[in-house]
Amino acid sequence: MIWNEAKECMSRDEMQHLQSTRLVKQVNYVYHNVEYYRKKMQAVGLEPGDIKGIEDLTKLPFTTKDDLRNTYPTGLFAVPRSEVVRIHASSGTTGKATVVGYTRRDIDIWSECVSRVLAMADIGKNDTVQVSYGYGLFTGGLGAHYGVENVGATVVPLSTGNTKKQLTMMKDLGVTAIMCTPSYLMYLTESIEEQGILSELQLKSAVCGAEPWTEEMRNQIESRLHIKAHDIYGLSEIMGPGVAGDCAFHKGLHINEDHFLPEIISADTLTPIGDGEIGELVFTTLTKEALPLLRYRTKDLTSITHGKCECGRTTARLSRFVGRSDDMLIIRGVNVFPL
């Protein structure tokens, strides 16, 4: 099932034209509404008029988590607080929390993006979806919640923990899909097996994210629960869950690239590299209003491919993540990633 064929199945020329139009508009918007960005652009002699399309993307300076910390809590916001309808934040385990904000339109776009990923998992209005991501400042719970409501499915907002209640609701409410971390789903699987209640469940699919997981883990989940398991990717700085997701063919995570312009750069030289090459993932938000980011370095290591997928989508796809660039060690001139 494809949620938005008009955007997810665009030709490459159509997508690049849309991305260019939105990039030009976004750069102009950021320049005039975020003083921090304006000063960064002026420092390198760059004006909005210098960006005429995605071919000029590399002229823009990178954004890093340090920029968000330097402007804590809301120095990179492009709208007044009266237009911010929601705040989320990272845990701040390695320093100050990263605060992110959303306008009403941002929330609508977020819901749209999560809906696309749910459709990849064949989740629609006839489903009952248990959201077992944490609710609160973490983006997972509410991000998933709004996406489920947007596709017209019934949402069961259980959040994390209380395994007994998770299984009771799953059984009594006829839950057909669950959204949670893959490690928690593995724990639930063990509990289901211990209680011998698999035959009493109507579960058919899972959408897992918020942490890295392997193909072996996916195979275990699918074989032990007799369901289909899908990956969902996102990060709070860019939006939250729904930046990308994988379809039934599991040949990469489809990026919602009409909203998030991806690049893969060399972790060594910070210059763009080609399709299929492992490098650091960089995103530019094309439609964000409250917290627009230009060339944000995610530190996630992956590769990108273009071309039509067997599912019919034409959006660019990310391969499985292999580590993070901030874990990189240089040993005798060779880049080594511990993971």
C-alpha atoms as a PDB file:
ATOM      1  CA  MET A   1       0.000   0.000   0.000  1.00  0.00           C
ATOM      2  CA  ILE A   2       1.307   3.469  -0.942  1.00  0.00           C
ATOM      3  CA  TRP A   3      -0.051   6.376   1.078  1.00  0.00           C
ATOM      4  CA  ASN A   4       0.897   9.261  -1.256  1.00  0.00           C
ATOM      5  CA  GLU A   5       1.655   8.096  -4.793  1.00  0.00           C
ATOM      6  CA  ALA A   6       1.940  11.672  -6.069  1.00  0.00           C
ATOM      7  CA  LYS A   7       5.007  12.271  -3.889  1.00  0.00           C
ATOM      8  CA  GLU A   8       6.402   8.778  -3.244  1.00  0.00           C
ATOM      9  CA  CYS A   9       6.381   7.783  -6.915  1.00  0.00           C
ATOM     10  CA  MET A  10       7.576  11.016  -8.559  1.00  0.00           C
ATOM     11  CA  SER A  11      10.132  10.821 -11.347  1.00  0.00           C
ATOM     12  CA  ARG A  12      13.672  11.832 -10.365  1.00  0.00           C
ATOM     13  CA  ASP A  13      13.396  15.014 -12.464  1.00  0.00           C
ATOM     14  CA  GLU A  14      10.124  15.966 -10.778  1.00  0.00           C
ATOM     15  CA  MET A  15      11.553  15.309  -7.324  1.00  0.00           C
ATOM     16  CA  GLN A  16      14.695  17.335  -7.974  1.00  0.00           C
ATOM     17  CA  HIS A  17      12.620  20.237  -9.305  1.00  0.00           C
ATOM     18  CA  LEU A  18      10.432  20.159  -6.177  1.00  0.00           C
ATOM     19  CA  GLN A  19      13.478  19.912  -3.909  1.00  0.00           C
ATOM     20  CA  SER A  20      15.158  22.850  -5.659  1.00  0.00           C
ATOM     21  CA  THR A  21      12.060  25.022  -5.358  1.00  0.00           C
ATOM     22  CA  ARG A  22      11.677  24.205  -1.685  1.00  0.00           C
ATOM     23  CA  LEU A  23      15.392  24.618  -0.935  1.00  0.00           C
ATOM     24  CA  VAL A  24      15.487  28.125  -2.409  1.00  0.00           C
ATOM     25  CA  LYS A  25      12.443  29.082  -0.354  1.00  0.00           C
ATOM     26  CA  GLN A  26      13.816  27.488   2.830  1.00  0.00           C
ATOM     27  CA  VAL A  27      17.222  29.178   2.603  1.00  0.00           C
ATOM     28  CA  ASN A  28      15.567  32.558   2.141  1.00  0.00           C
ATOM     29  CA  TYR A  29      13.253  31.810   5.084  1.00  0.00           C
ATOM     30  CA  VAL A  30      16.127  30.767   7.356  1.00  0.00           C
ATOM     31  CA  TYR A  31      18.307  33.735   6.392  1.00  0.00           C
ATOM     32  CA  HIS A  32      15.622  36.255   7.327  1.00  0.00           C
ATOM     33  CA  ASN A  33      14.251  34.505  10.420  1.00  0.00           C
ATOM     34  CA  VAL A  34      17.223  32.915  12.211  1.00  0.00           C
ATOM     35  CA  GLU A  35      19.968  35.342  13.186  1.00  0.00           C
ATOM     36  CA  TYR A  36      22.429  32.543  13.944  1.00  0.00           C
ATOM     37  CA  TYR A  37      22.142  31.153  10.412  1.00  0.00           C
ATOM     38  CA  ARG A  38      22.264  34.611   8.862  1.00  0.00           C
ATOM     39  CA  LYS A  39      25.579  35.302  10.600  1.00  0.00           C
ATOM     40  CA  LYS A  40      26.968  31.901   9.549  1.00  0.00           C
ATOM     41  CA  MET A  41      26.062  32.580   5.917  1.00  0.00           C
ATOM     42  CA  GLN A  42      27.397  36.129   6.022  1.00  0.00           C
ATOM     43  CA  ALA A  43      30.673  34.850   7.501  1.00  0.00           C
ATOM     44  CA  VAL A  44      31.302  32.851   4.309  1.00  0.00           C
ATOM     45  CA  GLY A  45      29.992  35.570   2.004  1.00  0.00           C
ATOM     46  CA  LEU A  46      26.780  33.747   1.139  1.00  0.00           C
ATOM     47  CA  GLU A  47      23.413  35.342   0.418  1.00  0.00           C
ATOM     48  CA  PRO A  48      20.063  33.618  -0.247  1.00  0.00           C
ATOM     49  CA  GLY A  49      20.206  34.588  -3.917  1.00  0.00           C
ATOM     50  CA  ASP A  50      23.335  32.447  -4.341  1.00  0.00           C
ATOM     51  CA  ILE A  51      21.226  29.303  -3.838  1.00  0.00           C
ATOM     52  CA  LYS A  52      19.302  28.622  -7.040  1.00  0.00           C
ATOM     53  CA  GLY A  53      18.665  24.901  -6.599  1.00  0.00           C
ATOM     54  CA  ILE A  54      19.942  21.669  -5.096  1.00  0.00           C
ATOM     55  CA  GLU A  55      23.078  21.951  -7.237  1.00  0.00           C
ATOM     56  CA  ASP A  56      24.128  24.799  -4.895  1.00  0.00           C
ATOM     57  CA  LEU A  57      23.528  22.824  -1.694  1.00  0.00           C
ATOM     58  CA  THR A  58      27.232  22.373  -0.937  1.00  0.00           C
ATOM     59  CA  LYS A  59      27.684  26.160  -0.755  1.00  0.00           C
ATOM     60  CA  LEU A  60      25.733  26.139   2.513  1.00  0.00           C
ATOM     61  CA  PRO A  61      27.553  25.643   5.827  1.00  0.00           C
ATOM     62  CA  PHE A  62      26.986  22.479   7.851  1.00  0.00           C
ATOM     63  CA  THR A  63      24.905  22.438  11.039  1.00  0.00           C
ATOM     64  CA  THR A  64      25.949  20.230  13.966  1.00  0.00           C
ATOM     65  CA  LYS A  65      24.604  19.383  17.392  1.00  0.00           C
ATOM     66  CA  ASP A  66      27.045  21.952  18.776  1.00  0.00           C
ATOM     67  CA  ASP A  67      25.101  24.672  16.947  1.00  0.00           C
ATOM     68  CA  LEU A  68      21.952  23.543  18.744  1.00  0.00           C
ATOM     69  CA  ARG A  69      23.787  23.528  22.068  1.00  0.00           C
ATOM     70  CA  ASN A  70      25.297  26.959  21.419  1.00  0.00           C
ATOM     71  CA  THR A  71      21.817  28.381  20.843  1.00  0.00           C
ATOM     72  CA  TYR A  72      20.082  26.445  23.659  1.00  0.00           C
ATOM     73  CA  PRO A  73      17.206  26.307  24.177  1.00  0.00           C
ATOM     74  CA  THR A  74      15.421  27.952  21.216  1.00  0.00           C
ATOM     75  CA  GLY A  75      17.987  30.144  19.455  1.00  0.00           C
ATOM     76  CA  LEU A  76      17.547  28.326  16.122  1.00  0.00           C
ATOM     77  CA  PHE A  77      13.751  28.650  16.115  1.00  0.00           C
ATOM     78  CA  ALA A  78      12.461  30.587  13.110  1.00  0.00           C
ATOM     79  CA  VAL A  79       9.042  31.457  14.518  1.00  0.00           C
ATOM     80  CA  PRO A  80       7.841  33.300  17.640  1.00  0.00           C
ATOM     81  CA  ARG A  81       6.876  31.148  20.616  1.00  0.00           C
ATOM     82  CA  SER A  82       3.200  31.928  19.952  1.00  0.00           C
ATOM     83  CA  GLU A  83       3.406  29.798  16.777  1.00  0.00           C
ATOM     84  CA  VAL A  84       5.076  26.815  18.469  1.00  0.00           C
ATOM     85  CA  VAL A  85       2.404  24.265  19.374  1.00  0.00           C
ATOM     86  CA  ARG A  86       4.686  21.553  20.747  1.00  0.00           C
ATOM     87  CA  ILE A  87       8.160  21.111  22.246  1.00  0.00           C
ATOM     88  CA  HIS A  88      10.175  17.890  22.294  1.00  0.00           C
ATOM     89  CA  ALA A  89      13.734  17.327  23.465  1.00  0.00           C
ATOM     90  CA  SER A  90      16.501  14.759  23.491  1.00  0.00           C
ATOM     91  CA  SER A  91      17.531  13.113  26.746  1.00  0.00           C
ATOM     92  CA  GLY A  92      20.602  15.305  27.082  1.00  0.00           C
ATOM     93  CA  THR A  93      22.693  12.373  28.353  1.00  0.00           C
ATOM     94  CA  THR A  94      25.881  13.826  26.830  1.00  0.00           C
ATOM     95  CA  GLY A  95      25.191  17.469  27.680  1.00  0.00           C
ATOM     96  CA  LYS A  96      22.298  19.871  27.468  1.00  0.00           C
ATOM     97  CA  ALA A  97      19.116  18.509  25.962  1.00  0.00           C
ATOM     98  CA  THR A  98      18.464  19.318  22.310  1.00  0.00           C
ATOM     99  CA  VAL A  99      15.194  21.256  22.259  1.00  0.00           C
ATOM    100  CA  VAL A 100      13.045  21.008  19.121  1.00  0.00           C
ATOM    101  CA  GLY A 101       9.811  22.821  18.319  1.00  0.00           C
ATOM    102  CA  TYR A 102       6.904  22.346  15.919  1.00  0.00           C
ATOM    103  CA  THR A 103       4.308  24.615  14.372  1.00  0.00           C
ATOM    104  CA  ARG A 104       0.857  23.255  13.583  1.00  0.00           C
ATOM    105  CA  ARG A 105       1.945  22.716   9.963  1.00  0.00           C
ATOM    106  CA  ASP A 106       5.073  20.882  11.155  1.00  0.00           C
ATOM    107  CA  ILE A 107       2.856  18.483  13.105  1.00  0.00           C
ATOM    108  CA  ASP A 108       0.657  17.913  10.044  1.00  0.00           C
ATOM    109  CA  ILE A 109       3.693  17.123   7.875  1.00  0.00           C
ATOM    110  CA  TRP A 110       5.108  14.845  10.574  1.00  0.00           C
ATOM    111  CA  SER A 111       1.806  12.933  10.677  1.00  0.00           C
ATOM    112  CA  GLU A 112       1.903  12.631   6.873  1.00  0.00           C
ATOM    113  CA  CYS A 113       5.435  11.221   6.913  1.00  0.00           C
ATOM    114  CA  VAL A 114       4.647   8.629   9.596  1.00  0.00           C
ATOM    115  CA  SER A 115       1.514   7.678   7.631  1.00  0.00           C
ATOM    116  CA  ARG A 116       3.666   6.844   4.623  1.00  0.00           C
ATOM    117  CA  VAL A 117       5.784   4.474   6.717  1.00  0.00           C
ATOM    118  CA  LEU A 118       2.691   2.842   8.213  1.00  0.00           C
ATOM    119  CA  ALA A 119       1.353   2.240   4.709  1.00  0.00           C
ATOM    120  CA  MET A 120       4.626   0.451   3.882  1.00  0.00           C
ATOM    121  CA  ALA A 121       3.725  -1.946   6.704  1.00  0.00           C
ATOM    122  CA  ASP A 122       0.194  -2.325   5.287  1.00  0.00           C
ATOM    123  CA  ILE A 123      -1.350  -0.547   8.273  1.00  0.00           C
ATOM    124  CA  GLY A 124      -4.587   1.304   7.583  1.00  0.00           C
ATOM    125  CA  LYS A 125      -7.969   2.337   8.933  1.00  0.00           C
ATOM    126  CA  ASN A 126      -9.044  -1.217   9.779  1.00  0.00           C
ATOM    127  CA  ASP A 127      -6.109  -1.754  12.141  1.00  0.00           C
ATOM    128  CA  THR A 128      -5.668  -1.313  15.883  1.00  0.00           C
ATOM    129  CA  VAL A 129      -2.147  -0.124  16.651  1.00  0.00           C
ATOM    130  CA  GLN A 130      -0.487  -0.355  20.047  1.00  0.00           C
ATOM    131  CA  VAL A 131       2.041   2.453  20.463  1.00  0.00           C
ATOM    132  CA  SER A 132       4.621   1.232  22.948  1.00  0.00           C
ATOM    133  CA  TYR A 133       7.197   3.959  22.411  1.00  0.00           C
ATOM    134  CA  GLY A 134       7.679   6.357  25.299  1.00  0.00           C
ATOM    135  CA  TYR A 135       5.375   9.367  25.449  1.00  0.00           C
ATOM    136  CA  GLY A 136       6.734  12.702  26.646  1.00  0.00           C
ATOM    137  CA  LEU A 137       9.689  14.792  25.521  1.00  0.00           C
ATOM    138  CA  PHE A 138      10.933  11.817  23.468  1.00  0.00           C
ATOM    139  CA  THR A 139       9.512  12.109  19.927  1.00  0.00           C
ATOM    140  CA  GLY A 140       8.674   8.417  19.480  1.00  0.00           C
ATOM    141  CA  GLY A 141       5.332   8.083  21.255  1.00  0.00           C
ATOM    142  CA  LEU A 142       3.480  11.149  19.997  1.00  0.00           C
ATOM    143  CA  GLY A 143       5.126  10.968  16.566  1.00  0.00           C
ATOM    144  CA  ALA A 144       3.792   7.446  16.067  1.00  0.00           C
ATOM    145  CA  HIS A 145       0.467   8.312  17.703  1.00  0.00           C
ATOM    146  CA  TYR A 146      -0.406  11.130  15.298  1.00  0.00           C
ATOM    147  CA  GLY A 147       0.603   9.030  12.297  1.00  0.00           C
ATOM    148  CA  VAL A 148      -1.678   6.183  13.373  1.00  0.00           C
ATOM    149  CA  GLU A 149      -4.597   8.567  13.808  1.00  0.00           C
ATOM    150  CA  ASN A 150      -3.851  10.154  10.435  1.00  0.00           C
ATOM    151  CA  VAL A 151      -4.262   6.843   8.575  1.00  0.00           C
ATOM    152  CA  GLY A 152      -7.556   6.325  10.386  1.00  0.00           C
ATOM    153  CA  ALA A 153      -6.444   3.371  12.496  1.00  0.00           C
ATOM    154  CA  THR A 154      -7.326   2.932  16.180  1.00  0.00           C
ATOM    155  CA  VAL A 155      -4.445   3.904  18.454  1.00  0.00           C
ATOM    156  CA  VAL A 156      -3.800   2.265  21.826  1.00  0.00           C
ATOM    157  CA  PRO A 157      -1.371   4.678  23.582  1.00  0.00           C
ATOM    158  CA  LEU A 158       0.239   2.343  26.118  1.00  0.00           C
ATOM    159  CA  SER A 159       3.723   3.899  26.113  1.00  0.00           C
ATOM    160  CA  THR A 160       6.589   1.776  27.503  1.00  0.00           C
ATOM    161  CA  GLY A 161       6.767  -0.702  30.376  1.00  0.00           C
ATOM    162  CA  ASN A 162       4.118  -2.712  32.277  1.00  0.00           C
ATOM    163  CA  THR A 163       4.501  -5.812  30.132  1.00  0.00           C
ATOM    164  CA  LYS A 164       1.509  -7.535  31.718  1.00  0.00           C
ATOM    165  CA  LYS A 165      -0.805  -4.731  30.641  1.00  0.00           C
ATOM    166  CA  GLN A 166       0.825  -4.603  27.191  1.00  0.00           C
ATOM    167  CA  LEU A 167      -0.057  -8.245  26.573  1.00  0.00           C
ATOM    168  CA  THR A 168      -3.518  -7.955  28.117  1.00  0.00           C
ATOM    169  CA  MET A 169      -4.462  -5.024  25.893  1.00  0.00           C
ATOM    170  CA  MET A 170      -2.876  -6.679  22.869  1.00  0.00           C
ATOM    171  CA  LYS A 171      -5.078  -9.729  23.374  1.00  0.00           C
ATOM    172  CA  ASP A 172      -8.318  -8.143  24.605  1.00  0.00           C
ATOM    173  CA  LEU A 173      -8.399  -5.289  22.070  1.00  0.00           C
ATOM    174  CA  GLY A 174      -7.414  -7.385  19.074  1.00  0.00           C
ATOM    175  CA  VAL A 175      -4.284  -5.336  18.371  1.00  0.00           C
ATOM    176  CA  THR A 176      -3.075  -5.938  14.800  1.00  0.00           C
ATOM    177  CA  ALA A 177       0.118  -3.863  14.840  1.00  0.00           C
ATOM    178  CA  ILE A 178       2.622  -2.609  17.388  1.00  0.00           C
ATOM    179  CA  MET A 179       5.108   0.270  17.306  1.00  0.00           C
ATOM    180  CA  CYS A 180       8.035   0.024  19.722  1.00  0.00           C
ATOM    181  CA  THR A 181      11.786  -0.482  19.905  1.00  0.00           C
ATOM    182  CA  PRO A 182      12.977  -3.815  18.480  1.00  0.00           C
ATOM    183  CA  SER A 183      14.621  -4.774  21.788  1.00  0.00           C
ATOM    184  CA  TYR A 184      11.350  -4.275  23.663  1.00  0.00           C
ATOM    185  CA  LEU A 185       9.479  -6.299  21.056  1.00  0.00           C
ATOM    186  CA  MET A 186      11.962  -9.127  21.573  1.00  0.00           C
ATOM    187  CA  TYR A 187      11.215  -8.963  25.301  1.00  0.00           C
ATOM    188  CA  LEU A 188       7.464  -9.008  24.613  1.00  0.00           C
ATOM    189  CA  THR A 189       8.010 -11.993  22.314  1.00  0.00           C
ATOM    190  CA  GLU A 190       9.652 -13.931  25.130  1.00  0.00           C
ATOM    191  CA  SER A 191       6.750 -13.089  27.438  1.00  0.00           C
ATOM    192  CA  ILE A 192       4.206 -14.160  24.805  1.00  0.00           C
ATOM    193  CA  GLU A 193       6.009 -17.482  24.412  1.00  0.00           C
ATOM    194  CA  GLU A 194       6.247 -18.024  28.172  1.00  0.00           C
ATOM    195  CA  GLN A 195       2.492 -17.432  28.562  1.00  0.00           C
ATOM    196  CA  GLY A 196       1.637 -19.464  25.460  1.00  0.00           C
ATOM    197  CA  ILE A 197      -0.802 -16.836  24.145  1.00  0.00           C
ATOM    198  CA  LEU A 198       0.446 -16.392  20.566  1.00  0.00           C
ATOM    199  CA  SER A 199      -2.592 -18.173  19.119  1.00  0.00           C
ATOM    200  CA  GLU A 200      -4.877 -15.730  20.949  1.00  0.00           C
ATOM    201  CA  LEU A 201      -3.313 -12.660  19.324  1.00  0.00           C
ATOM    202  CA  GLN A 202      -4.285 -10.950  16.053  1.00  0.00           C
ATOM    203  CA  LEU A 203      -0.924  -9.251  15.607  1.00  0.00           C
ATOM    204  CA  LYS A 204       0.174  -9.054  11.953  1.00  0.00           C
ATOM    205  CA  SER A 205       2.882  -6.374  11.828  1.00  0.00           C
ATOM    206  CA  ALA A 206       5.367  -4.301  13.798  1.00  0.00           C
ATOM    207  CA  VAL A 207       7.048  -0.968  13.072  1.00  0.00           C
ATOM    208  CA  CYS A 208      10.257  -0.723  15.081  1.00  0.00           C
ATOM    209  CA  GLY A 209      12.801   2.046  15.487  1.00  0.00           C
ATOM    210  CA  ALA A 210      14.577   4.392  17.933  1.00  0.00           C
ATOM    211  CA  GLU A 211      17.605   2.074  18.084  1.00  0.00           C
ATOM    212  CA  PRO A 212      19.734   0.085  15.629  1.00  0.00           C
ATOM    213  CA  TRP A 213      18.746  -3.521  14.921  1.00  0.00           C
ATOM    214  CA  THR A 214      19.977  -6.278  12.682  1.00  0.00           C
ATOM    215  CA  GLU A 215      18.403  -8.336   9.940  1.00  0.00           C
ATOM    216  CA  GLU A 216      18.833 -11.354  12.207  1.00  0.00           C
ATOM    217  CA  MET A 217      16.688  -9.662  14.856  1.00  0.00           C
ATOM    218  CA  ARG A 218      14.035  -8.887  12.258  1.00  0.00           C
ATOM    219  CA  ASN A 219      14.015 -12.525  11.136  1.00  0.00           C
ATOM    220  CA  GLN A 220      13.641 -13.697  14.737  1.00  0.00           C
ATOM    221  CA  ILE A 221      10.726 -11.354  15.407  1.00  0.00           C
ATOM    222  CA  GLU A 222       8.954 -12.379  12.205  1.00  0.00           C
ATOM    223  CA  SER A 223       9.445 -16.117  12.648  1.00  0.00           C
ATOM    224  CA  ARG A 224       8.573 -16.249  16.347  1.00  0.00           C
ATOM    225  CA  LEU A 225       5.513 -13.969  16.167  1.00  0.00           C
ATOM    226  CA  HIS A 226       4.432 -14.887  12.618  1.00  0.00           C
ATOM    227  CA  ILE A 227       4.262 -11.208  11.642  1.00  0.00           C
ATOM    228  CA  LYS A 228       5.983  -8.737   9.295  1.00  0.00           C
ATOM    229  CA  ALA A 229       8.457  -6.341  10.928  1.00  0.00           C
ATOM    230  CA  HIS A 230       9.392  -2.962   9.415  1.00  0.00           C
ATOM    231  CA  ASP A 231      12.003  -0.346  10.231  1.00  0.00           C
ATOM    232  CA  ILE A 232      11.231   3.346  10.855  1.00  0.00           C
ATOM    233  CA  TYR A 233      13.969   5.971  11.058  1.00  0.00           C
ATOM    234  CA  GLY A 234      14.095   9.501  12.330  1.00  0.00           C
ATOM    235  CA  LEU A 235      15.851  11.871  14.678  1.00  0.00           C
ATOM    236  CA  SER A 236      14.388  14.606  16.801  1.00  0.00           C
ATOM    237  CA  GLU A 237      16.519  17.376  15.292  1.00  0.00           C
ATOM    238  CA  ILE A 238      15.083  16.726  11.828  1.00  0.00           C
ATOM    239  CA  MET A 239      11.542  15.762  12.894  1.00  0.00           C
ATOM    240  CA  GLY A 240      11.290  12.472  14.789  1.00  0.00           C
ATOM    241  CA  PRO A 241      10.206   9.044  13.523  1.00  0.00           C
ATOM    242  CA  GLY A 242       9.016   9.061   9.924  1.00  0.00           C
ATOM    243  CA  VAL A 243      11.998  10.584   8.122  1.00  0.00           C
ATOM    244  CA  ALA A 244      12.339   7.192   6.391  1.00  0.00           C
ATOM    245  CA  GLY A 245      10.968   3.656   6.539  1.00  0.00           C
ATOM    246  CA  ASP A 246      11.251   0.329   4.766  1.00  0.00           C
ATOM    247  CA  CYS A 247       8.687  -1.354   2.551  1.00  0.00           C
ATOM    248  CA  ALA A 248       7.775  -5.028   2.205  1.00  0.00           C
ATOM    249  CA  PHE A 249      10.876  -5.712   0.089  1.00  0.00           C
ATOM    250  CA  HIS A 250      13.316  -4.486   2.798  1.00  0.00           C
ATOM    251  CA  LYS A 251      15.800  -3.107   0.271  1.00  0.00           C
ATOM    252  CA  GLY A 252      16.555   0.135   2.052  1.00  0.00           C
ATOM    253  CA  LEU A 253      14.706   2.818   3.975  1.00  0.00           C
ATOM    254  CA  HIS A 254      12.635   5.062   1.705  1.00  0.00           C
ATOM    255  CA  ILE A 255      13.356   8.715   2.565  1.00  0.00           C
ATOM    256  CA  ASN A 256      10.507  11.207   2.525  1.00  0.00           C
ATOM    257  CA  GLU A 257      12.787  13.350   0.424  1.00  0.00           C
ATOM    258  CA  ASP A 258      10.172  15.878  -0.610  1.00  0.00           C
ATOM    259  CA  HIS A 259      10.542  17.096   2.995  1.00  0.00           C
ATOM    260  CA  PHE A 260      14.088  16.016   3.905  1.00  0.00           C
ATOM    261  CA  LEU A 261      16.897  16.511   1.388  1.00  0.00           C
ATOM    262  CA  PRO A 262      19.597  13.867   1.989  1.00  0.00           C
ATOM    263  CA  GLU A 263      23.331  13.887   1.291  1.00  0.00           C
ATOM    264  CA  ILE A 264      26.035  11.333   1.972  1.00  0.00           C
ATOM    265  CA  ILE A 265      29.422  12.888   2.679  1.00  0.00           C
ATOM    266  CA  SER A 266      32.835  11.432   3.348  1.00  0.00           C
ATOM    267  CA  ALA A 267      33.388  11.251   7.104  1.00  0.00           C
ATOM    268  CA  ASP A 268      37.004  12.135   6.358  1.00  0.00           C
ATOM    269  CA  THR A 269      36.844  14.985   3.814  1.00  0.00           C
ATOM    270  CA  LEU A 270      33.217  16.116   4.390  1.00  0.00           C
ATOM    271  CA  THR A 271      32.660  16.182   0.617  1.00  0.00           C
ATOM    272  CA  PRO A 272      29.732  14.459  -1.158  1.00  0.00           C
ATOM    273  CA  ILE A 273      30.220  10.849  -2.284  1.00  0.00           C
ATOM    274  CA  GLY A 274      28.328   8.676  -4.749  1.00  0.00           C
ATOM    275  CA  ASP A 275      25.519   6.143  -4.546  1.00  0.00           C
ATOM    276  CA  GLY A 276      26.397   2.939  -2.726  1.00  0.00           C
ATOM    277  CA  GLU A 277      29.363   4.438  -0.839  1.00  0.00           C
ATOM    278  CA  ILE A 278      29.313   4.448   2.958  1.00  0.00           C
ATOM    279  CA  GLY A 279      29.489   7.899   4.483  1.00  0.00           C
ATOM    280  CA  GLU A 280      27.838  10.261   6.938  1.00  0.00           C
ATOM    281  CA  LEU A 281      24.183  11.112   6.437  1.00  0.00           C
ATOM    282  CA  VAL A 282      23.330  14.818   6.199  1.00  0.00           C
ATOM    283  CA  PHE A 283      19.820  16.285   6.027  1.00  0.00           C
ATOM    284  CA  THR A 284      18.408  19.648   5.030  1.00  0.00           C
ATOM    285  CA  THR A 285      14.800  20.203   6.056  1.00  0.00           C
ATOM    286  CA  LEU A 286      12.784  21.569   3.142  1.00  0.00           C
ATOM    287  CA  THR A 287       9.454  22.370   4.797  1.00  0.00           C
ATOM    288  CA  LYS A 288      10.114  22.763   8.532  1.00  0.00           C
ATOM    289  CA  GLU A 289       8.828  26.039   9.996  1.00  0.00           C
ATOM    290  CA  ALA A 290       9.727  26.082  13.703  1.00  0.00           C
ATOM    291  CA  LEU A 291      13.212  24.524  13.533  1.00  0.00           C
ATOM    292  CA  PRO A 292      14.529  24.497   9.953  1.00  0.00           C
ATOM    293  CA  LEU A 293      18.022  23.001   9.676  1.00  0.00           C
ATOM    294  CA  LEU A 294      20.499  23.346   6.826  1.00  0.00           C
ATOM    295  CA  ARG A 295      22.890  20.460   6.111  1.00  0.00           C
ATOM    296  CA  TYR A 296      22.553  18.887   9.551  1.00  0.00           C
ATOM    297  CA  ARG A 297      25.248  16.268  10.175  1.00  0.00           C
ATOM    298  CA  THR A 298      23.467  13.294  11.740  1.00  0.00           C
ATOM    299  CA  LYS A 299      26.739  11.385  12.369  1.00  0.00           C
ATOM    300  CA  ASP A 300      24.943   8.218  11.173  1.00  0.00           C
ATOM    301  CA  LEU A 301      26.934   6.138   8.682  1.00  0.00           C
ATOM    302  CA  THR A 302      25.050   4.654   5.740  1.00  0.00           C
ATOM    303  CA  SER A 303      24.837   4.714   1.942  1.00  0.00           C
ATOM    304  CA  ILE A 304      22.132   5.933  -0.418  1.00  0.00           C
ATOM    305  CA  THR A 305      20.708   4.535  -3.647  1.00  0.00           C
ATOM    306  CA  HIS A 306      18.334   5.993  -6.191  1.00  0.00           C
ATOM    307  CA  GLY A 307      16.050   4.155  -8.580  1.00  0.00           C
ATOM    308  CA  LYS A 308      12.613   2.643  -8.550  1.00  0.00           C
ATOM    309  CA  CYS A 309      11.961   0.029  -5.857  1.00  0.00           C
ATOM    310  CA  GLU A 310      10.003  -3.150  -6.493  1.00  0.00           C
ATOM    311  CA  CYS A 311       7.222  -1.641  -4.362  1.00  0.00           C
ATOM    312  CA  GLY A 312       6.747   1.125  -6.922  1.00  0.00           C
ATOM    313  CA  ARG A 313       8.249   3.972  -4.893  1.00  0.00           C
ATOM    314  CA  THR A 314      10.959   6.096  -6.495  1.00  0.00           C
ATOM    315  CA  THR A 315      12.242   7.842  -3.369  1.00  0.00           C
ATOM    316  CA  ALA A 316      15.914   7.512  -2.457  1.00  0.00           C
ATOM    317  CA  ARG A 317      16.745   4.679  -0.058  1.00  0.00           C
ATOM    318  CA  LEU A 318      19.179   4.357   2.843  1.00  0.00           C
ATOM    319  CA  SER A 319      21.059   1.145   3.550  1.00  0.00           C
ATOM    320  CA  ARG A 320      21.347  -0.290   7.065  1.00  0.00           C
ATOM    321  CA  PHE A 321      23.349   1.958   9.365  1.00  0.00           C
ATOM    322  CA  VAL A 322      26.832   0.648  10.105  1.00  0.00           C
ATOM    323  CA  GLY A 323      27.884   3.008  12.886  1.00  0.00           C
ATOM    324  CA  ARG A 324      28.512   6.660  13.613  1.00  0.00           C
ATOM    325  CA  SER A 325      31.185   8.994  12.318  1.00  0.00           C
ATOM    326  CA  ASP A 326      31.890  10.297  15.827  1.00  0.00           C
ATOM    327  CA  ASP A 327      33.013   6.751  16.721  1.00  0.00           C
ATOM    328  CA  MET A 328      35.655   6.849  13.987  1.00  0.00           C
ATOM    329  CA  LEU A 329      39.269   6.155  14.933  1.00  0.00           C
ATOM    330  CA  ILE A 330      42.203   6.857  12.631  1.00  0.00           C
ATOM    331  CA  ILE A 331      44.812   4.131  13.005  1.00  0.00           C
ATOM    332  CA  ARG A 332      47.948   4.460  10.843  1.00  0.00           C
ATOM    333  CA  GLY A 333      46.004   6.593   8.402  1.00  0.00           C
ATOM    334  CA  VAL A 334      43.087   4.165   8.093  1.00  0.00           C
ATOM    335  CA  ASN A 335      39.545   5.054   9.205  1.00  0.00           C
ATOM    336  CA  VAL A 336      38.237   2.399  11.590  1.00  0.00           C
ATOM    337  CA  PHE A 337      34.691   2.260  12.954  1.00  0.00           C
ATOM    338  CA  PRO A 338      34.455   0.062  16.105  1.00  0.00           C
ATOM    339  CA  LEU A 339      30.885  -1.029  15.322  1.00  0.00           C
END
